[in-house]
Amino acid sequence: YLLLLTVGISATPLRSNLAELQTW
């Protein structure tokens, strides 16, 4: 959870990047 909070600091760009990774 703490690790994911660190990732979630900039959640909007992260979500976009993660969605792009899923497509790839």
PDB file of all heavy atoms in Angstrom:
ATOM      1  N   TYR A   1       0.832  -1.197   0.000  1.00  0.00           N
ATOM      2  CA  TYR A   1       0.000   0.000   0.000  1.00  0.00           C
ATOM      3  C   TYR A   1       0.876   1.259   0.000  1.00  0.00           C
ATOM      4  O   TYR A   1       0.646   2.187  -0.775  1.00  0.00           O
ATOM      5  CB  TYR A   1      -0.939  -0.009   1.209  1.00  0.00           C
ATOM      6  CG  TYR A   1      -1.761   1.233   1.350  1.00  0.00           C
ATOM      7  CD1 TYR A   1      -2.847   1.463   0.498  1.00  0.00           C
ATOM      8  CD2 TYR A   1      -1.463   2.194   2.307  1.00  0.00           C
ATOM      9  CE1 TYR A   1      -3.604   2.613   0.613  1.00  0.00           C
ATOM     10  CE2 TYR A   1      -2.221   3.344   2.424  1.00  0.00           C
ATOM     11  CZ  TYR A   1      -3.286   3.550   1.578  1.00  0.00           C
ATOM     12  OH  TYR A   1      -4.032   4.682   1.684  1.00  0.00           O
ATOM     13  N   LEU A   2       1.886   1.287   0.853  1.00  0.00           N
ATOM     14  CA  LEU A   2       2.791   2.441   0.899  1.00  0.00           C
ATOM     15  C   LEU A   2       3.533   2.612  -0.417  1.00  0.00           C
ATOM     16  O   LEU A   2       3.729   3.728  -0.896  1.00  0.00           O
ATOM     17  CB  LEU A   2       3.784   2.289   2.055  1.00  0.00           C
ATOM     18  CG  LEU A   2       3.173   2.393   3.456  1.00  0.00           C
ATOM     19  CD1 LEU A   2       4.215   2.046   4.515  1.00  0.00           C
ATOM     20  CD2 LEU A   2       2.587   3.775   3.694  1.00  0.00           C
ATOM     21  N   LEU A   3       3.920   1.520  -0.978  1.00  0.00           N
ATOM     22  CA  LEU A   3       4.598   1.556  -2.269  1.00  0.00           C
ATOM     23  C   LEU A   3       3.679   2.136  -3.336  1.00  0.00           C
ATOM     24  O   LEU A   3       4.084   2.992  -4.133  1.00  0.00           O
ATOM     25  CB  LEU A   3       5.035   0.143  -2.652  1.00  0.00           C
ATOM     26  CG  LEU A   3       5.801  -0.045  -3.936  1.00  0.00           C
ATOM     27  CD1 LEU A   3       7.153   0.638  -3.834  1.00  0.00           C
ATOM     28  CD2 LEU A   3       5.997  -1.524  -4.191  1.00  0.00           C
ATOM     29  N   LEU A   4       2.445   1.702  -3.328  1.00  0.00           N
ATOM     30  CA  LEU A   4       1.493   2.187  -4.314  1.00  0.00           C
ATOM     31  C   LEU A   4       1.111   3.643  -4.064  1.00  0.00           C
ATOM     32  O   LEU A   4       0.834   4.384  -5.008  1.00  0.00           O
ATOM     33  CB  LEU A   4       0.260   1.292  -4.348  1.00  0.00           C
ATOM     34  CG  LEU A   4       0.553  -0.119  -4.856  1.00  0.00           C
ATOM     35  CD1 LEU A   4      -0.670  -1.002  -4.698  1.00  0.00           C
ATOM     36  CD2 LEU A   4       1.023  -0.106  -6.282  1.00  0.00           C
ATOM     37  N   LEU A   5       1.131   4.075  -2.807  1.00  0.00           N
ATOM     38  CA  LEU A   5       0.908   5.488  -2.517  1.00  0.00           C
ATOM     39  C   LEU A   5       2.010   6.341  -3.133  1.00  0.00           C
ATOM     40  O   LEU A   5       1.761   7.417  -3.668  1.00  0.00           O
ATOM     41  CB  LEU A   5       0.877   5.728  -1.000  1.00  0.00           C
ATOM     42  CG  LEU A   5      -0.454   5.529  -0.313  1.00  0.00           C
ATOM     43  CD1 LEU A   5      -0.303   5.734   1.182  1.00  0.00           C
ATOM     44  CD2 LEU A   5      -1.495   6.458  -0.867  1.00  0.00           C
ATOM     45  N   THR A   6       3.219   5.840  -3.048  1.00  0.00           N
ATOM     46  CA  THR A   6       4.346   6.547  -3.648  1.00  0.00           C
ATOM     47  C   THR A   6       4.120   6.706  -5.138  1.00  0.00           C
ATOM     48  O   THR A   6       4.343   7.776  -5.709  1.00  0.00           O
ATOM     49  CB  THR A   6       5.661   5.782  -3.398  1.00  0.00           C
ATOM     50  OG1 THR A   6       5.837   5.644  -1.987  1.00  0.00           O
ATOM     51  CG2 THR A   6       6.845   6.505  -3.990  1.00  0.00           C
ATOM     52  N   VAL A   7       3.677   5.654  -5.770  1.00  0.00           N
ATOM     53  CA  VAL A   7       3.391   5.696  -7.198  1.00  0.00           C
ATOM     54  C   VAL A   7       2.227   6.631  -7.469  1.00  0.00           C
ATOM     55  O   VAL A   7       2.200   7.332  -8.481  1.00  0.00           O
ATOM     56  CB  VAL A   7       3.076   4.283  -7.733  1.00  0.00           C
ATOM     57  CG1 VAL A   7       2.578   4.336  -9.151  1.00  0.00           C
ATOM     58  CG2 VAL A   7       4.310   3.407  -7.642  1.00  0.00           C
ATOM     59  N   GLY A   8       1.266   6.690  -6.568  1.00  0.00           N
ATOM     60  CA  GLY A   8       0.046   7.453  -6.777  1.00  0.00           C
ATOM     61  C   GLY A   8       0.174   8.949  -6.576  1.00  0.00           C
ATOM     62  O   GLY A   8      -0.798   9.674  -6.731  1.00  0.00           O
ATOM     63  N   ILE A   9       1.370   9.451  -6.276  1.00  0.00           N
ATOM     64  CA  ILE A   9       1.547  10.878  -6.058  1.00  0.00           C
ATOM     65  C   ILE A   9       1.071  11.671  -7.269  1.00  0.00           C
ATOM     66  O   ILE A   9       0.441  12.694  -7.157  1.00  0.00           O
ATOM     67  CB  ILE A   9       3.017  11.197  -5.700  1.00  0.00           C
ATOM     68  CG1 ILE A   9       3.314  10.667  -4.304  1.00  0.00           C
ATOM     69  CG2 ILE A   9       3.305  12.687  -5.787  1.00  0.00           C
ATOM     70  CD1 ILE A   9       4.760  10.738  -3.908  1.00  0.00           C
ATOM     71  N   SER A  10       1.387  11.191  -8.422  1.00  0.00           N
ATOM     72  CA  SER A  10       0.904  11.846  -9.639  1.00  0.00           C
ATOM     73  C   SER A  10      -0.017  10.870 -10.367  1.00  0.00           C
ATOM     74  O   SER A  10       0.286  10.366 -11.425  1.00  0.00           O
ATOM     75  CB  SER A  10       2.072  12.256 -10.530  1.00  0.00           C
ATOM     76  OG  SER A  10       2.858  11.138 -10.841  1.00  0.00           O
ATOM     77  N   ALA A  11      -1.172  10.612  -9.784  1.00  0.00           N
ATOM     78  CA  ALA A  11      -2.060   9.531 -10.229  1.00  0.00           C
ATOM     79  C   ALA A  11      -2.576   9.707 -11.649  1.00  0.00           C
ATOM     80  O   ALA A  11      -2.682   8.739 -12.379  1.00  0.00           O
ATOM     81  CB  ALA A  11      -3.231   9.390  -9.257  1.00  0.00           C
ATOM     82  N   THR A  12      -2.919  10.898 -12.055  1.00  0.00           N
ATOM     83  CA  THR A  12      -3.498  11.060 -13.386  1.00  0.00           C
ATOM     84  C   THR A  12      -2.513  10.672 -14.473  1.00  0.00           C
ATOM     85  O   THR A  12      -2.835   9.848 -15.325  1.00  0.00           O
ATOM     86  CB  THR A  12      -4.019  12.494 -13.574  1.00  0.00           C
ATOM     87  OG1 THR A  12      -4.950  12.760 -12.541  1.00  0.00           O
ATOM     88  CG2 THR A  12      -4.675  12.662 -14.920  1.00  0.00           C
ATOM     89  N   PRO A  13      -1.285  11.228 -14.485  1.00  0.00           N
ATOM     90  CA  PRO A  13      -0.331  10.771 -15.503  1.00  0.00           C
ATOM     91  C   PRO A  13      -0.004   9.287 -15.343  1.00  0.00           C
ATOM     92  O   PRO A  13       0.180   8.590 -16.332  1.00  0.00           O
ATOM     93  CB  PRO A  13       0.912  11.629 -15.259  1.00  0.00           C
ATOM     94  CG  PRO A  13       0.448  12.799 -14.473  1.00  0.00           C
ATOM     95  CD  PRO A  13      -0.759  12.342 -13.715  1.00  0.00           C
ATOM     96  N   LEU A  14       0.046   8.825 -14.114  1.00  0.00           N
ATOM     97  CA  LEU A  14       0.346   7.416 -13.878  1.00  0.00           C
ATOM     98  C   LEU A  14      -0.734   6.541 -14.501  1.00  0.00           C
ATOM     99  O   LEU A  14      -0.433   5.573 -15.188  1.00  0.00           O
ATOM    100  CB  LEU A  14       0.469   7.125 -12.389  1.00  0.00           C
ATOM    101  CG  LEU A  14       0.687   5.663 -12.023  1.00  0.00           C
ATOM    102  CD1 LEU A  14       2.029   5.178 -12.570  1.00  0.00           C
ATOM    103  CD2 LEU A  14       0.624   5.469 -10.535  1.00  0.00           C
ATOM    104  N   ARG A  15      -1.992   6.886 -14.268  1.00  0.00           N
ATOM    105  CA  ARG A  15      -3.087   6.103 -14.843  1.00  0.00           C
ATOM    106  C   ARG A  15      -2.978   6.042 -16.361  1.00  0.00           C
ATOM    107  O   ARG A  15      -3.168   5.000 -16.963  1.00  0.00           O
ATOM    108  CB  ARG A  15      -4.439   6.702 -14.455  1.00  0.00           C
ATOM    109  CG  ARG A  15      -5.157   5.893 -13.422  1.00  0.00           C
ATOM    110  CD  ARG A  15      -6.492   6.458 -13.172  1.00  0.00           C
ATOM    111  NE  ARG A  15      -6.275   7.702 -12.449  1.00  0.00           N
ATOM    112  CZ  ARG A  15      -7.190   8.589 -12.174  1.00  0.00           C
ATOM    113  NH1 ARG A  15      -8.410   8.401 -12.553  1.00  0.00           N
ATOM    114  NH2 ARG A  15      -6.912   9.680 -11.519  1.00  0.00           N
ATOM    115  N   SER A  16      -2.670   7.168 -16.950  1.00  0.00           N
ATOM    116  CA  SER A  16      -2.516   7.228 -18.396  1.00  0.00           C
ATOM    117  C   SER A  16      -1.362   6.328 -18.841  1.00  0.00           C
ATOM    118  O   SER A  16      -1.488   5.577 -19.812  1.00  0.00           O
ATOM    119  CB  SER A  16      -2.265   8.674 -18.812  1.00  0.00           C
ATOM    120  OG  SER A  16      -1.955   8.739 -20.171  1.00  0.00           O
ATOM    121  N   ASN A  17      -0.239   6.402 -18.136  1.00  0.00           N
ATOM    122  CA  ASN A  17       0.922   5.570 -18.470  1.00  0.00           C
ATOM    123  C   ASN A  17       0.598   4.088 -18.299  1.00  0.00           C
ATOM    124  O   ASN A  17       1.004   3.267 -19.123  1.00  0.00           O
ATOM    125  CB  ASN A  17       2.120   5.936 -17.600  1.00  0.00           C
ATOM    126  CG  ASN A  17       2.687   7.297 -17.940  1.00  0.00           C
ATOM    127  OD1 ASN A  17       2.444   7.834 -19.008  1.00  0.00           O
ATOM    128  ND2 ASN A  17       3.435   7.859 -17.016  1.00  0.00           N
ATOM    129  N   LEU A  18      -0.104   3.747 -17.236  1.00  0.00           N
ATOM    130  CA  LEU A  18      -0.439   2.348 -16.984  1.00  0.00           C
ATOM    131  C   LEU A  18      -1.400   1.825 -18.045  1.00  0.00           C
ATOM    132  O   LEU A  18      -1.272   0.681 -18.487  1.00  0.00           O
ATOM    133  CB  LEU A  18      -1.019   2.174 -15.582  1.00  0.00           C
ATOM    134  CG  LEU A  18      -0.032   2.415 -14.433  1.00  0.00           C
ATOM    135  CD1 LEU A  18      -0.756   2.375 -13.094  1.00  0.00           C
ATOM    136  CD2 LEU A  18       1.113   1.424 -14.461  1.00  0.00           C
ATOM    137  N   ALA A  19      -2.340   2.658 -18.465  1.00  0.00           N
ATOM    138  CA  ALA A  19      -3.262   2.245 -19.526  1.00  0.00           C
ATOM    139  C   ALA A  19      -2.494   2.019 -20.834  1.00  0.00           C
ATOM    140  O   ALA A  19      -2.757   1.059 -21.564  1.00  0.00           O
ATOM    141  CB  ALA A  19      -4.344   3.307 -19.719  1.00  0.00           C
ATOM    142  N   GLU A  20      -1.535   2.890 -21.097  1.00  0.00           N
ATOM    143  CA  GLU A  20      -0.711   2.731 -22.295  1.00  0.00           C
ATOM    144  C   GLU A  20       0.104   1.443 -22.220  1.00  0.00           C
ATOM    145  O   GLU A  20       0.222   0.710 -23.208  1.00  0.00           O
ATOM    146  CB  GLU A  20       0.224   3.934 -22.438  1.00  0.00           C
ATOM    147  CG  GLU A  20       1.093   3.888 -23.669  1.00  0.00           C
ATOM    148  CD  GLU A  20       2.040   5.077 -23.744  1.00  0.00           C
ATOM    149  OE1 GLU A  20       1.725   6.141 -23.171  1.00  0.00           O
ATOM    150  OE2 GLU A  20       3.089   4.922 -24.380  1.00  0.00           O
ATOM    151  N   LEU A  21       0.645   1.149 -21.040  1.00  0.00           N
ATOM    152  CA  LEU A  21       1.409  -0.092 -20.859  1.00  0.00           C
ATOM    153  C   LEU A  21       0.530  -1.310 -21.111  1.00  0.00           C
ATOM    154  O   LEU A  21       0.974  -2.286 -21.725  1.00  0.00           O
ATOM    155  CB  LEU A  21       2.017  -0.162 -19.459  1.00  0.00           C
ATOM    156  CG  LEU A  21       3.157   0.808 -19.163  1.00  0.00           C
ATOM    157  CD1 LEU A  21       3.599   0.667 -17.705  1.00  0.00           C
ATOM    158  CD2 LEU A  21       4.331   0.586 -20.099  1.00  0.00           C
ATOM    159  N   GLN A  22      -0.711  -1.264 -20.651  1.00  0.00           N
ATOM    160  CA  GLN A  22      -1.630  -2.383 -20.876  1.00  0.00           C
ATOM    161  C   GLN A  22      -1.861  -2.602 -22.376  1.00  0.00           C
ATOM    162  O   GLN A  22      -1.903  -3.738 -22.846  1.00  0.00           O
ATOM    163  CB  GLN A  22      -2.982  -2.135 -20.182  1.00  0.00           C
ATOM    164  CG  GLN A  22      -2.949  -2.350 -18.701  1.00  0.00           C
ATOM    165  CD  GLN A  22      -2.849  -3.808 -18.310  1.00  0.00           C
ATOM    166  OE1 GLN A  22      -2.558  -4.708 -19.104  1.00  0.00           O
ATOM    167  NE2 GLN A  22      -3.063  -4.074 -17.042  1.00  0.00           N
ATOM    168  N   THR A  23      -1.996  -1.515 -23.108  1.00  0.00           N
ATOM    169  CA  THR A  23      -2.191  -1.619 -24.559  1.00  0.00           C
ATOM    170  C   THR A  23      -0.978  -2.266 -25.215  1.00  0.00           C
ATOM    171  O   THR A  23      -1.110  -3.163 -26.050  1.00  0.00           O
ATOM    172  CB  THR A  23      -2.444  -0.224 -25.164  1.00  0.00           C
ATOM    173  OG1 THR A  23      -3.600   0.332 -24.531  1.00  0.00           O
ATOM    174  CG2 THR A  23      -2.673  -0.301 -26.661  1.00  0.00           C
ATOM    175  N   TRP A  24       0.208  -1.802 -24.833  1.00  0.00           N
ATOM    176  CA  TRP A  24       1.443  -2.391 -25.372  1.00  0.00           C
ATOM    177  C   TRP A  24       1.545  -3.864 -25.015  1.00  0.00           C
ATOM    178  O   TRP A  24       1.923  -4.694 -25.842  1.00  0.00           O
ATOM    179  CB  TRP A  24       2.666  -1.643 -24.847  1.00  0.00           C
ATOM    180  CG  TRP A  24       2.983  -0.392 -25.599  1.00  0.00           C
ATOM    181  CD1 TRP A  24       2.832   0.890 -25.161  1.00  0.00           C
ATOM    182  CD2 TRP A  24       3.491  -0.295 -26.927  1.00  0.00           C
ATOM    183  NE1 TRP A  24       3.214   1.765 -26.133  1.00  0.00           N
ATOM    184  CE2 TRP A  24       3.630   1.077 -27.228  1.00  0.00           C
ATOM    185  CE3 TRP A  24       3.847  -1.233 -27.893  1.00  0.00           C
ATOM    186  CZ2 TRP A  24       4.112   1.526 -28.447  1.00  0.00           C
ATOM    187  CZ3 TRP A  24       4.335  -0.782 -29.118  1.00  0.00           C
ATOM    188  CH2 TRP A  24       4.456   0.575 -29.385  1.00  0.00           C
TER     189      TRP A  24
END
